[in-house]
Amino acid sequence: MNVGVVGNPRYQDLAAILSGMAARAPGLGLRFYTEPELAPFWPQPVPPLGIAQLDALVTLGGDGTLLRGARLLGANPVPVLGINLGRVGFLTSCTRDELDLALDRLTRRDYVLEPRQGLEAEIRGVGGSSFALPPALNDVTVHKAGVARMIQLNVQVDDQEIGPYSADGLIVATPTGSTAYSLSAGGPIIAPDVEAIVITPICAHTLAVRPLVVPASSSIAISPIQSSAEDLLVSVDGQQAMTVGPNDRLMLGVGAHRVPLVRFGPKSYFARMRESLRWGDLAERETR
């Protein structure tokens, strides 16, 4: 089995983790491929990452590392096994302590796949030019560069005018991304098998502007209003940012391809939600 490895080199003991994986590889019939940033951490040379030949992708880090790995896959439906080396790791499948068992089950294909909806977006200019953004698993966000300041954006859904948004920014999120930045901005949690997109304003100027859930089939258009069209950025999964010109239009919709996340065992989405987000957990509070 050909397995790609993507990781966060800032994590301590990464070299020890990769050394252990390399030692187990022959017995499991695994051949690892690595991104260049991880090459110095392997005990011996490992071939460079090439997406086309992969049977699975292992990400070592947190949710950010998994998002980056999913973006590297593009349209390739490669199963993604996330190993959490951090704290929350809501999207990951297991912890470092479970890595050996996870690799064994990955080899035996003893897992289920949880296909996750993504977003595709492009920036369209007035002259007909277009620039495709990298695919997003969590969200696409329009916000101000530099100094924090309110911006105004016009939003349309399927050519129907939603109206102007006056806010610090605007998040367009998938159900997967509903538990990330959108949740922090007051958006709803959307179960991953719900076909929907959520539009969440960041610090809206008026309380009347609330998060909006639209069908996954929707085509969303976001245009800067001229009075606040300078120094705007569009960010993909909070990791890659591009500028948006005053006459540009950001077009978004659900991606044609799903990201298959590897899941083990009977733990449900809601069990992971309770555990990771401490949903309704009052157990540690003292009774007074």
C-alpha atoms as a PDB file:
ATOM      1  CA  MET A   1       0.000   0.000   0.000  1.00  0.00           C
ATOM      2  CA  ASN A   2       1.352   3.430  -0.991  1.00  0.00           C
ATOM      3  CA  VAL A   3       0.781   5.961   1.787  1.00  0.00           C
ATOM      4  CA  GLY A   4       1.599   9.661   1.673  1.00  0.00           C
ATOM      5  CA  VAL A   5       2.674  11.406   4.862  1.00  0.00           C
ATOM      6  CA  VAL A   6       2.040  15.088   5.574  1.00  0.00           C
ATOM      7  CA  GLY A   7       3.029  16.572   8.913  1.00  0.00           C
ATOM      8  CA  ASN A   8       3.657  19.644  10.983  1.00  0.00           C
ATOM      9  CA  PRO A   9       7.438  19.873  11.560  1.00  0.00           C
ATOM     10  CA  ARG A  10       6.888  22.077  14.613  1.00  0.00           C
ATOM     11  CA  TYR A  11       5.602  19.189  16.712  1.00  0.00           C
ATOM     12  CA  GLN A  12       8.055  17.689  19.180  1.00  0.00           C
ATOM     13  CA  ASP A  13       9.029  14.058  18.726  1.00  0.00           C
ATOM     14  CA  LEU A  14       8.018  14.094  15.059  1.00  0.00           C
ATOM     15  CA  ALA A  15      11.296  12.361  14.186  1.00  0.00           C
ATOM     16  CA  ALA A  16      10.542   9.620  16.715  1.00  0.00           C
ATOM     17  CA  ILE A  17       7.048   9.137  15.283  1.00  0.00           C
ATOM     18  CA  LEU A  18       8.342   8.862  11.715  1.00  0.00           C
ATOM     19  CA  SER A  19      11.092   6.498  12.838  1.00  0.00           C
ATOM     20  CA  GLY A  20       8.499   4.213  14.404  1.00  0.00           C
ATOM     21  CA  MET A  21       6.373   4.308  11.262  1.00  0.00           C
ATOM     22  CA  ALA A  22       9.387   3.481   9.093  1.00  0.00           C
ATOM     23  CA  ALA A  23      10.259   0.508  11.317  1.00  0.00           C
ATOM     24  CA  ARG A  24       6.743  -0.913  11.015  1.00  0.00           C
ATOM     25  CA  ALA A  25       6.369  -0.308   7.279  1.00  0.00           C
ATOM     26  CA  PRO A  26       7.979  -3.540   5.959  1.00  0.00           C
ATOM     27  CA  GLY A  27       5.866  -5.771   8.185  1.00  0.00           C
ATOM     28  CA  LEU A  28       2.682  -4.006   7.170  1.00  0.00           C
ATOM     29  CA  GLY A  29       3.508  -3.818   3.471  1.00  0.00           C
ATOM     30  CA  LEU A  30       3.523  -0.020   3.485  1.00  0.00           C
ATOM     31  CA  ARG A  31       5.562   2.236   1.251  1.00  0.00           C
ATOM     32  CA  PHE A  32       5.683   5.810   2.474  1.00  0.00           C
ATOM     33  CA  TYR A  33       5.960   8.993   0.408  1.00  0.00           C
ATOM     34  CA  THR A  34       6.706  12.294   2.106  1.00  0.00           C
ATOM     35  CA  GLU A  35       6.488  16.022   1.546  1.00  0.00           C
ATOM     36  CA  PRO A  36       9.878  17.808   1.317  1.00  0.00           C
ATOM     37  CA  GLU A  37       9.487  19.558   4.687  1.00  0.00           C
ATOM     38  CA  LEU A  38       9.484  16.200   6.478  1.00  0.00           C
ATOM     39  CA  ALA A  39      12.463  14.674   4.659  1.00  0.00           C
ATOM     40  CA  PRO A  40      15.013  15.596   7.401  1.00  0.00           C
ATOM     41  CA  PHE A  41      12.919  13.866  10.073  1.00  0.00           C
ATOM     42  CA  TRP A  42      12.886  10.380   8.505  1.00  0.00           C
ATOM     43  CA  PRO A  43      15.592   7.906   9.606  1.00  0.00           C
ATOM     44  CA  GLN A  44      16.337   7.080   5.960  1.00  0.00           C
ATOM     45  CA  PRO A  45      15.426   8.688   2.605  1.00  0.00           C
ATOM     46  CA  VAL A  46      11.747   8.427   1.648  1.00  0.00           C
ATOM     47  CA  PRO A  47      10.431   9.064  -1.883  1.00  0.00           C
ATOM     48  CA  PRO A  48       8.810  12.484  -2.463  1.00  0.00           C
ATOM     49  CA  LEU A  49       5.069  12.824  -2.275  1.00  0.00           C
ATOM     50  CA  GLY A  50       3.231  12.180  -5.519  1.00  0.00           C
ATOM     51  CA  ILE A  51      -0.544  12.207  -5.265  1.00  0.00           C
ATOM     52  CA  ALA A  52      -1.317   9.998  -8.259  1.00  0.00           C
ATOM     53  CA  GLN A  53       0.205   6.823  -6.789  1.00  0.00           C
ATOM     54  CA  LEU A  54      -1.309   7.066  -3.299  1.00  0.00           C
ATOM     55  CA  ASP A  55      -3.735   4.601  -1.734  1.00  0.00           C
ATOM     56  CA  ALA A  56      -4.080   6.711   1.433  1.00  0.00           C
ATOM     57  CA  LEU A  57      -2.757   9.871   3.068  1.00  0.00           C
ATOM     58  CA  VAL A  58      -1.680  10.123   6.717  1.00  0.00           C
ATOM     59  CA  THR A  59      -1.562  13.567   8.317  1.00  0.00           C
ATOM     60  CA  LEU A  60       0.460  14.102  11.503  1.00  0.00           C
ATOM     61  CA  GLY A  61      -0.605  17.193  13.428  1.00  0.00           C
ATOM     62  CA  GLY A  62      -3.961  18.777  14.090  1.00  0.00           C
ATOM     63  CA  ASP A  63      -6.931  19.850  12.029  1.00  0.00           C
ATOM     64  CA  GLY A  64      -4.826  22.429  10.183  1.00  0.00           C
ATOM     65  CA  THR A  65      -2.455  19.735   8.962  1.00  0.00           C
ATOM     66  CA  LEU A  66      -5.383  17.589   7.827  1.00  0.00           C
ATOM     67  CA  LEU A  67      -6.882  20.538   5.929  1.00  0.00           C
ATOM     68  CA  ARG A  68      -3.574  21.146   4.188  1.00  0.00           C
ATOM     69  CA  GLY A  69      -3.275  17.469   3.279  1.00  0.00           C
ATOM     70  CA  ALA A  70      -6.789  17.405   1.872  1.00  0.00           C
ATOM     71  CA  ARG A  71      -5.999  20.474  -0.219  1.00  0.00           C
ATOM     72  CA  LEU A  72      -2.890  18.765  -1.629  1.00  0.00           C
ATOM     73  CA  LEU A  73      -5.048  15.879  -2.839  1.00  0.00           C
ATOM     74  CA  GLY A  74      -7.179  18.165  -5.002  1.00  0.00           C
ATOM     75  CA  ALA A  75      -9.794  16.074  -6.822  1.00  0.00           C
ATOM     76  CA  ASN A  76      -8.132  12.738  -5.994  1.00  0.00           C
ATOM     77  CA  PRO A  77     -10.468  10.647  -3.752  1.00  0.00           C
ATOM     78  CA  VAL A  78      -7.659   9.386  -1.504  1.00  0.00           C
ATOM     79  CA  PRO A  79      -8.686   8.330   2.044  1.00  0.00           C
ATOM     80  CA  VAL A  80      -7.250  10.697   4.661  1.00  0.00           C
ATOM     81  CA  LEU A  81      -6.195   9.339   8.058  1.00  0.00           C
ATOM     82  CA  GLY A  82      -5.596  12.180  10.504  1.00  0.00           C
ATOM     83  CA  ILE A  83      -3.388  11.504  13.540  1.00  0.00           C
ATOM     84  CA  ASN A  84      -3.877  14.153  16.211  1.00  0.00           C
ATOM     85  CA  LEU A  85      -0.647  15.383  17.814  1.00  0.00           C
ATOM     86  CA  GLY A  86      -2.239  18.490  19.292  1.00  0.00           C
ATOM     87  CA  ARG A  87      -5.190  19.276  21.510  1.00  0.00           C
ATOM     88  CA  VAL A  88      -8.603  19.364  19.824  1.00  0.00           C
ATOM     89  CA  GLY A  89      -8.162  17.527  16.526  1.00  0.00           C
ATOM     90  CA  PHE A  90     -11.880  17.419  15.744  1.00  0.00           C
ATOM     91  CA  LEU A  91     -11.346  16.223  12.161  1.00  0.00           C
ATOM     92  CA  THR A  92      -8.607  13.705  12.946  1.00  0.00           C
ATOM     93  CA  SER A  93      -9.288  10.000  13.413  1.00  0.00           C
ATOM     94  CA  CYS A  94      -7.132   9.061  16.398  1.00  0.00           C
ATOM     95  CA  THR A  95      -4.306  10.104  18.712  1.00  0.00           C
ATOM     96  CA  ARG A  96      -0.590   9.403  18.608  1.00  0.00           C
ATOM     97  CA  ASP A  97      -1.033   6.564  21.115  1.00  0.00           C
ATOM     98  CA  GLU A  98      -3.364   4.843  18.643  1.00  0.00           C
ATOM     99  CA  LEU A  99      -1.060   5.258  15.636  1.00  0.00           C
ATOM    100  CA  ASP A 100       0.231   1.669  15.505  1.00  0.00           C
ATOM    101  CA  LEU A 101      -3.259   0.198  15.587  1.00  0.00           C
ATOM    102  CA  ALA A 102      -4.465   2.795  13.073  1.00  0.00           C
ATOM    103  CA  LEU A 103      -1.746   1.836  10.566  1.00  0.00           C
ATOM    104  CA  ASP A 104      -2.584  -1.841  11.013  1.00  0.00           C
ATOM    105  CA  ARG A 105      -6.272  -1.208  10.376  1.00  0.00           C
ATOM    106  CA  LEU A 106      -5.456   1.079   7.450  1.00  0.00           C
ATOM    107  CA  THR A 107      -3.432  -1.721   5.856  1.00  0.00           C
ATOM    108  CA  ARG A 108      -6.290  -4.194   6.326  1.00  0.00           C
ATOM    109  CA  ARG A 109      -8.776  -1.547   5.117  1.00  0.00           C
ATOM    110  CA  ASP A 110     -10.638  -2.051   8.384  1.00  0.00           C
ATOM    111  CA  TYR A 111     -12.279   1.366   8.450  1.00  0.00           C
ATOM    112  CA  VAL A 112     -15.213   3.334   7.138  1.00  0.00           C
ATOM    113  CA  LEU A 113     -15.021   6.436   4.992  1.00  0.00           C
ATOM    114  CA  GLU A 114     -16.835   9.638   5.866  1.00  0.00           C
ATOM    115  CA  PRO A 115     -17.064  11.695   2.656  1.00  0.00           C
ATOM    116  CA  ARG A 116     -16.943  15.426   3.389  1.00  0.00           C
ATOM    117  CA  GLN A 117     -18.313  18.177   1.184  1.00  0.00           C
ATOM    118  CA  GLY A 118     -15.858  20.824  -0.001  1.00  0.00           C
ATOM    119  CA  LEU A 119     -16.080  24.275  -1.557  1.00  0.00           C
ATOM    120  CA  GLU A 120     -14.834  25.522  -4.902  1.00  0.00           C
ATOM    121  CA  ALA A 121     -14.320  29.233  -5.424  1.00  0.00           C
ATOM    122  CA  GLU A 122     -12.997  31.577  -8.055  1.00  0.00           C
ATOM    123  CA  ILE A 123     -12.362  35.296  -8.340  1.00  0.00           C
ATOM    124  CA  ARG A 124     -13.875  36.828 -11.464  1.00  0.00           C
ATOM    125  CA  GLY A 125     -12.696  40.161 -12.838  1.00  0.00           C
ATOM    126  CA  VAL A 126     -14.683  42.693 -14.843  1.00  0.00           C
ATOM    127  CA  GLY A 127     -12.879  41.811 -18.063  1.00  0.00           C
ATOM    128  CA  GLY A 128     -13.967  38.180 -17.913  1.00  0.00           C
ATOM    129  CA  SER A 129     -10.783  36.949 -16.293  1.00  0.00           C
ATOM    130  CA  SER A 130     -11.051  34.318 -13.579  1.00  0.00           C
ATOM    131  CA  PHE A 131      -8.713  32.872 -10.970  1.00  0.00           C
ATOM    132  CA  ALA A 132      -9.547  29.551  -9.321  1.00  0.00           C
ATOM    133  CA  LEU A 133      -8.830  29.305  -5.599  1.00  0.00           C
ATOM    134  CA  PRO A 134      -7.564  26.095  -3.983  1.00  0.00           C
ATOM    135  CA  PRO A 135     -10.383  23.785  -2.843  1.00  0.00           C
ATOM    136  CA  ALA A 136     -11.606  24.361   0.718  1.00  0.00           C
ATOM    137  CA  LEU A 137     -12.741  21.697   3.157  1.00  0.00           C
ATOM    138  CA  ASN A 138     -13.692  24.102   5.962  1.00  0.00           C
ATOM    139  CA  ASP A 139     -14.423  27.566   4.675  1.00  0.00           C
ATOM    140  CA  VAL A 140     -13.697  30.525   2.427  1.00  0.00           C
ATOM    141  CA  THR A 141     -13.534  33.883   4.220  1.00  0.00           C
ATOM    142  CA  VAL A 142     -13.533  37.469   2.957  1.00  0.00           C
ATOM    143  CA  HIS A 143     -11.922  39.925   5.362  1.00  0.00           C
ATOM    144  CA  LYS A 144      -9.876  43.115   5.626  1.00  0.00           C
ATOM    145  CA  ALA A 145      -6.107  43.097   5.310  1.00  0.00           C
ATOM    146  CA  GLY A 146      -4.009  44.994   7.832  1.00  0.00           C
ATOM    147  CA  VAL A 147      -6.028  47.184  10.197  1.00  0.00           C
ATOM    148  CA  ALA A 148      -9.237  45.629  11.552  1.00  0.00           C
ATOM    149  CA  ARG A 149     -12.124  47.589  10.072  1.00  0.00           C
ATOM    150  CA  MET A 150     -15.693  46.950   9.026  1.00  0.00           C
ATOM    151  CA  ILE A 151     -16.258  46.082   5.378  1.00  0.00           C
ATOM    152  CA  GLN A 152     -19.377  46.023   3.222  1.00  0.00           C
ATOM    153  CA  LEU A 153     -20.150  43.137   0.910  1.00  0.00           C
ATOM    154  CA  ASN A 154     -23.066  42.423  -1.372  1.00  0.00           C
ATOM    155  CA  VAL A 155     -24.213  38.773  -1.392  1.00  0.00           C
ATOM    156  CA  GLN A 156     -26.334  36.927  -3.922  1.00  0.00           C
ATOM    157  CA  VAL A 157     -27.538  33.319  -3.769  1.00  0.00           C
ATOM    158  CA  ASP A 158     -28.642  31.814  -7.091  1.00  0.00           C
ATOM    159  CA  ASP A 159     -28.841  35.354  -8.553  1.00  0.00           C
ATOM    160  CA  GLN A 160     -31.221  36.415  -5.778  1.00  0.00           C
ATOM    161  CA  GLU A 161     -30.177  39.452  -3.796  1.00  0.00           C
ATOM    162  CA  ILE A 162     -29.594  38.667  -0.120  1.00  0.00           C
ATOM    163  CA  GLY A 163     -28.477  42.202   0.582  1.00  0.00           C
ATOM    164  CA  PRO A 164     -25.456  44.065   1.874  1.00  0.00           C
ATOM    165  CA  TYR A 165     -23.444  42.745   4.810  1.00  0.00           C
ATOM    166  CA  SER A 166     -21.683  45.262   7.041  1.00  0.00           C
ATOM    167  CA  ALA A 167     -19.271  43.278   9.203  1.00  0.00           C
ATOM    168  CA  ASP A 168     -15.614  42.569   9.911  1.00  0.00           C
ATOM    169  CA  GLY A 169     -15.805  39.821   7.317  1.00  0.00           C
ATOM    170  CA  LEU A 170     -17.901  37.006   5.891  1.00  0.00           C
ATOM    171  CA  ILE A 171     -17.392  33.242   6.234  1.00  0.00           C
ATOM    172  CA  VAL A 172     -18.801  30.749   3.739  1.00  0.00           C
ATOM    173  CA  ALA A 173     -18.484  27.333   5.360  1.00  0.00           C
ATOM    174  CA  THR A 174     -19.215  23.687   4.672  1.00  0.00           C
ATOM    175  CA  PRO A 175     -20.832  21.442   7.312  1.00  0.00           C
ATOM    176  CA  THR A 176     -17.274  20.363   8.168  1.00  0.00           C
ATOM    177  CA  GLY A 177     -16.264  23.994   8.621  1.00  0.00           C
ATOM    178  CA  SER A 178     -19.367  24.768  10.688  1.00  0.00           C
ATOM    179  CA  THR A 179     -17.444  23.670  13.805  1.00  0.00           C
ATOM    180  CA  ALA A 180     -14.446  25.888  13.004  1.00  0.00           C
ATOM    181  CA  TYR A 181     -14.235  29.654  12.356  1.00  0.00           C
ATOM    182  CA  SER A 182     -17.956  29.872  11.576  1.00  0.00           C
ATOM    183  CA  LEU A 183     -18.833  28.438  14.988  1.00  0.00           C
ATOM    184  CA  SER A 184     -16.571  30.971  16.711  1.00  0.00           C
ATOM    185  CA  ALA A 185     -18.411  33.734  14.837  1.00  0.00           C
ATOM    186  CA  GLY A 186     -21.792  32.500  16.087  1.00  0.00           C
ATOM    187  CA  GLY A 187     -22.726  30.162  13.242  1.00  0.00           C
ATOM    188  CA  PRO A 188     -24.688  26.910  13.713  1.00  0.00           C
ATOM    189  CA  ILE A 189     -23.243  23.408  13.900  1.00  0.00           C
ATOM    190  CA  ILE A 190     -24.285  21.454  10.817  1.00  0.00           C
ATOM    191  CA  ALA A 191     -23.968  17.656  10.814  1.00  0.00           C
ATOM    192  CA  PRO A 192     -21.529  16.496   8.104  1.00  0.00           C
ATOM    193  CA  ASP A 193     -24.103  14.529   6.115  1.00  0.00           C
ATOM    194  CA  VAL A 194     -26.390  17.562   5.711  1.00  0.00           C
ATOM    195  CA  GLU A 195     -26.187  19.029   2.219  1.00  0.00           C
ATOM    196  CA  ALA A 196     -25.839  22.727   3.024  1.00  0.00           C
ATOM    197  CA  ILE A 197     -23.630  25.818   3.062  1.00  0.00           C
ATOM    198  CA  VAL A 198     -23.624  28.363   5.893  1.00  0.00           C
ATOM    199  CA  ILE A 199     -22.928  32.082   5.395  1.00  0.00           C
ATOM    200  CA  THR A 200     -21.751  33.621   8.665  1.00  0.00           C
ATOM    201  CA  PRO A 201     -20.915  37.299   9.209  1.00  0.00           C
ATOM    202  CA  ILE A 202     -17.996  38.167  11.496  1.00  0.00           C
ATOM    203  CA  CYS A 203     -18.999  40.796  14.076  1.00  0.00           C
ATOM    204  CA  ALA A 204     -21.940  42.090  12.057  1.00  0.00           C
ATOM    205  CA  HIS A 205     -22.687  45.807  12.366  1.00  0.00           C
ATOM    206  CA  THR A 206     -26.307  45.073  13.275  1.00  0.00           C
ATOM    207  CA  LEU A 207     -27.819  42.196  15.267  1.00  0.00           C
ATOM    208  CA  ALA A 208     -30.452  41.762  12.547  1.00  0.00           C
ATOM    209  CA  VAL A 209     -27.796  40.158  10.306  1.00  0.00           C
ATOM    210  CA  ARG A 210     -27.586  36.506  11.308  1.00  0.00           C
ATOM    211  CA  PRO A 211     -25.947  33.347   9.911  1.00  0.00           C
ATOM    212  CA  LEU A 212     -27.763  31.982   6.883  1.00  0.00           C
ATOM    213  CA  VAL A 213     -27.977  28.324   5.819  1.00  0.00           C
ATOM    214  CA  VAL A 214     -28.582  27.682   2.122  1.00  0.00           C
ATOM    215  CA  PRO A 215     -28.842  24.486   0.036  1.00  0.00           C
ATOM    216  CA  ALA A 216     -25.610  22.866  -1.118  1.00  0.00           C
ATOM    217  CA  SER A 217     -26.774  23.328  -4.709  1.00  0.00           C
ATOM    218  CA  SER A 218     -26.612  27.116  -4.317  1.00  0.00           C
ATOM    219  CA  SER A 219     -24.301  29.370  -6.282  1.00  0.00           C
ATOM    220  CA  ILE A 220     -23.041  32.210  -4.065  1.00  0.00           C
ATOM    221  CA  ALA A 221     -21.661  35.516  -5.341  1.00  0.00           C
ATOM    222  CA  ILE A 222     -19.893  38.043  -3.098  1.00  0.00           C
ATOM    223  CA  SER A 223     -18.964  41.512  -4.347  1.00  0.00           C
ATOM    224  CA  PRO A 224     -17.234  44.339  -2.449  1.00  0.00           C
ATOM    225  CA  ILE A 225     -19.248  47.524  -2.092  1.00  0.00           C
ATOM    226  CA  GLN A 226     -17.091  50.341  -3.416  1.00  0.00           C
ATOM    227  CA  SER A 227     -16.875  52.305  -0.156  1.00  0.00           C
ATOM    228  CA  SER A 228     -14.941  49.456   1.507  1.00  0.00           C
ATOM    229  CA  ALA A 229     -13.382  47.677  -1.455  1.00  0.00           C
ATOM    230  CA  GLU A 230      -9.729  48.378  -0.675  1.00  0.00           C
ATOM    231  CA  ASP A 231      -7.301  45.881   0.881  1.00  0.00           C
ATOM    232  CA  LEU A 232      -9.661  42.914   0.877  1.00  0.00           C
ATOM    233  CA  LEU A 233      -8.436  39.335   1.197  1.00  0.00           C
ATOM    234  CA  VAL A 234     -10.076  35.986   0.614  1.00  0.00           C
ATOM    235  CA  SER A 235      -8.709  33.127   2.732  1.00  0.00           C
ATOM    236  CA  VAL A 236      -9.076  29.398   2.086  1.00  0.00           C
ATOM    237  CA  ASP A 237      -9.302  27.259   5.240  1.00  0.00           C
ATOM    238  CA  GLY A 238      -7.488  30.037   7.071  1.00  0.00           C
ATOM    239  CA  GLN A 239      -4.208  29.011   5.424  1.00  0.00           C
ATOM    240  CA  GLN A 240      -3.955  30.617   2.000  1.00  0.00           C
ATOM    241  CA  ALA A 241      -4.972  34.196   1.196  1.00  0.00           C
ATOM    242  CA  MET A 242      -5.415  36.110  -2.067  1.00  0.00           C
ATOM    243  CA  THR A 243      -6.375  39.724  -2.713  1.00  0.00           C
ATOM    244  CA  VAL A 244      -9.799  40.733  -3.996  1.00  0.00           C
ATOM    245  CA  GLY A 245      -9.969  43.801  -6.208  1.00  0.00           C
ATOM    246  CA  PRO A 246     -12.690  46.465  -5.902  1.00  0.00           C
ATOM    247  CA  ASN A 247     -14.361  45.267  -9.111  1.00  0.00           C
ATOM    248  CA  ASP A 248     -13.883  41.549  -8.525  1.00  0.00           C
ATOM    249  CA  ARG A 249     -16.578  39.027  -7.759  1.00  0.00           C
ATOM    250  CA  LEU A 250     -16.071  35.936  -5.611  1.00  0.00           C
ATOM    251  CA  MET A 251     -18.082  32.943  -6.844  1.00  0.00           C
ATOM    252  CA  LEU A 252     -18.553  29.915  -4.584  1.00  0.00           C
ATOM    253  CA  GLY A 253     -20.266  26.548  -4.732  1.00  0.00           C
ATOM    254  CA  VAL A 254     -19.957  22.992  -3.522  1.00  0.00           C
ATOM    255  CA  GLY A 255     -17.028  21.105  -5.010  1.00  0.00           C
ATOM    256  CA  ALA A 256     -17.605  18.214  -7.381  1.00  0.00           C
ATOM    257  CA  HIS A 257     -15.437  15.904  -5.275  1.00  0.00           C
ATOM    258  CA  ARG A 258     -15.691  14.792  -1.655  1.00  0.00           C
ATOM    259  CA  VAL A 259     -12.833  14.359   0.810  1.00  0.00           C
ATOM    260  CA  PRO A 260     -13.030  10.829   2.291  1.00  0.00           C
ATOM    261  CA  LEU A 261     -11.985  10.892   5.964  1.00  0.00           C
ATOM    262  CA  VAL A 262     -11.011   7.599   7.599  1.00  0.00           C
ATOM    263  CA  ARG A 263     -13.021   6.652  10.686  1.00  0.00           C
ATOM    264  CA  PHE A 264     -12.506   3.748  13.096  1.00  0.00           C
ATOM    265  CA  GLY A 265     -14.859   2.075  15.528  1.00  0.00           C
ATOM    266  CA  PRO A 266     -18.346   2.932  16.698  1.00  0.00           C
ATOM    267  CA  LYS A 267     -17.690   6.525  17.870  1.00  0.00           C
ATOM    268  CA  SER A 268     -20.247   8.761  16.191  1.00  0.00           C
ATOM    269  CA  TYR A 269     -19.929  12.336  14.980  1.00  0.00           C
ATOM    270  CA  PHE A 270     -21.904  13.541  17.976  1.00  0.00           C
ATOM    271  CA  ALA A 271     -19.715  11.581  20.385  1.00  0.00           C
ATOM    272  CA  ARG A 272     -16.649  13.272  18.868  1.00  0.00           C
ATOM    273  CA  MET A 273     -18.446  16.608  19.097  1.00  0.00           C
ATOM    274  CA  ARG A 274     -19.200  16.135  22.797  1.00  0.00           C
ATOM    275  CA  GLU A 275     -15.629  15.046  23.466  1.00  0.00           C
ATOM    276  CA  SER A 276     -13.785  17.666  21.417  1.00  0.00           C
ATOM    277  CA  LEU A 277     -16.061  20.666  21.960  1.00  0.00           C
ATOM    278  CA  ARG A 278     -16.981  19.715  25.541  1.00  0.00           C
ATOM    279  CA  TRP A 279     -20.621  19.923  24.566  1.00  0.00           C
ATOM    280  CA  GLY A 280     -22.750  20.395  27.677  1.00  0.00           C
ATOM    281  CA  ASP A 281     -19.963  19.080  29.924  1.00  0.00           C
ATOM    282  CA  LEU A 282     -20.505  20.238  33.490  1.00  0.00           C
ATOM    283  CA  ALA A 283     -18.824  17.237  35.127  1.00  0.00           C
ATOM    284  CA  GLU A 284     -15.749  19.166  36.220  1.00  0.00           C
ATOM    285  CA  ARG A 285     -17.723  21.907  37.931  1.00  0.00           C
ATOM    286  CA  GLU A 286     -17.910  21.613  41.693  1.00  0.00           C
ATOM    287  CA  THR A 287     -21.297  21.470  43.326  1.00  0.00           C
ATOM    288  CA  ARG A 288     -21.687  24.412  45.640  1.00  0.00           C
END
